[in-house]
């Protein structure tokens, strides 16, 4: 998940296109892995960066 959300779609009048640029993402990427059961959250793990096999099996 990125911590700096940017809209990827815009609105315009009917029949007209919406044109423009959006800022490039400059924020950190954070991964959140959560284990849940019927009673709620059992465990959670949050770390900076993307998920790979090594991080997921931690």
Protein backbone atom coordinates (compact mmCIF):
# COMPACT_ATOMS: atom_id res chain seq x y z
CA UNK A 1 0.00 0.00 0.00
CA UNK A 2 1.28 3.44 -0.74
CA UNK A 3 1.05 6.08 1.92
CA UNK A 4 0.51 8.94 -0.56
CA UNK A 5 -2.74 8.28 -2.35
CA UNK A 6 -3.23 9.92 -5.75
CA UNK A 7 -6.42 9.80 -7.78
CA UNK A 8 -5.96 7.93 -11.04
CA UNK A 9 -9.28 8.99 -12.58
CA UNK A 10 -10.95 12.37 -12.98
CA UNK A 11 -14.37 13.74 -13.81
CA UNK A 12 -15.50 15.81 -16.76
CA UNK A 13 -18.69 16.96 -18.40
CA UNK A 14 -20.64 14.35 -20.32
CA UNK A 15 -19.16 13.82 -23.76
CA UNK A 16 -15.84 15.51 -22.94
CA UNK A 17 -12.61 13.78 -22.01
CA UNK A 18 -10.70 14.43 -18.84
CA UNK A 19 -7.05 15.22 -19.49
CA UNK A 20 -4.25 16.04 -17.13
CA UNK A 21 -1.27 14.74 -15.26
CA UNK A 22 -0.96 13.26 -11.84
CA UNK A 23 2.06 13.50 -9.59
CA UNK A 24 4.42 10.54 -9.56
CA UNK A 25 4.37 8.53 -6.34
CA UNK A 26 7.19 9.60 -4.04
CA UNK A 27 6.12 8.01 -0.79
CA UNK A 28 7.10 4.82 0.94
CA UNK A 29 5.58 1.43 0.16
CA UNK A 30 4.34 -0.37 3.26
CA UNK A 31 3.19 -4.00 3.41
CA UNK A 32 0.56 -5.09 5.91
CA UNK A 33 -0.08 -8.82 6.47
CA UNK A 34 -2.94 -9.71 8.83
CA UNK A 35 -4.29 -13.02 10.14
CA UNK A 36 -8.00 -12.93 10.98
CA UNK A 37 -10.53 -15.29 12.49
CA UNK A 38 -14.22 -14.98 13.35
CA UNK A 39 -13.45 -13.00 16.53
CA UNK A 40 -11.19 -10.48 14.82
CA UNK A 41 -7.50 -9.88 14.15
CA UNK A 42 -5.20 -12.58 15.54
CA UNK A 43 -1.83 -11.25 14.38
CA UNK A 44 -0.46 -8.51 12.16
CA UNK A 45 2.89 -7.71 10.55
CA UNK A 46 3.73 -4.36 8.98
CA UNK A 47 7.03 -3.50 7.30
CA UNK A 48 8.45 -1.09 4.78
CA UNK A 49 8.85 -2.39 1.23
CA UNK A 50 7.16 -4.91 -0.99
CA UNK A 51 6.29 -8.50 -0.16
CA UNK A 52 8.50 -11.30 -1.41
CA UNK A 53 8.80 -14.95 -0.38
CA UNK A 54 11.33 -14.21 2.34
CA UNK A 55 9.16 -11.48 3.91
CA UNK A 56 5.96 -13.53 3.66
CA UNK A 57 7.47 -16.62 5.33
CA UNK A 58 8.97 -14.53 8.16
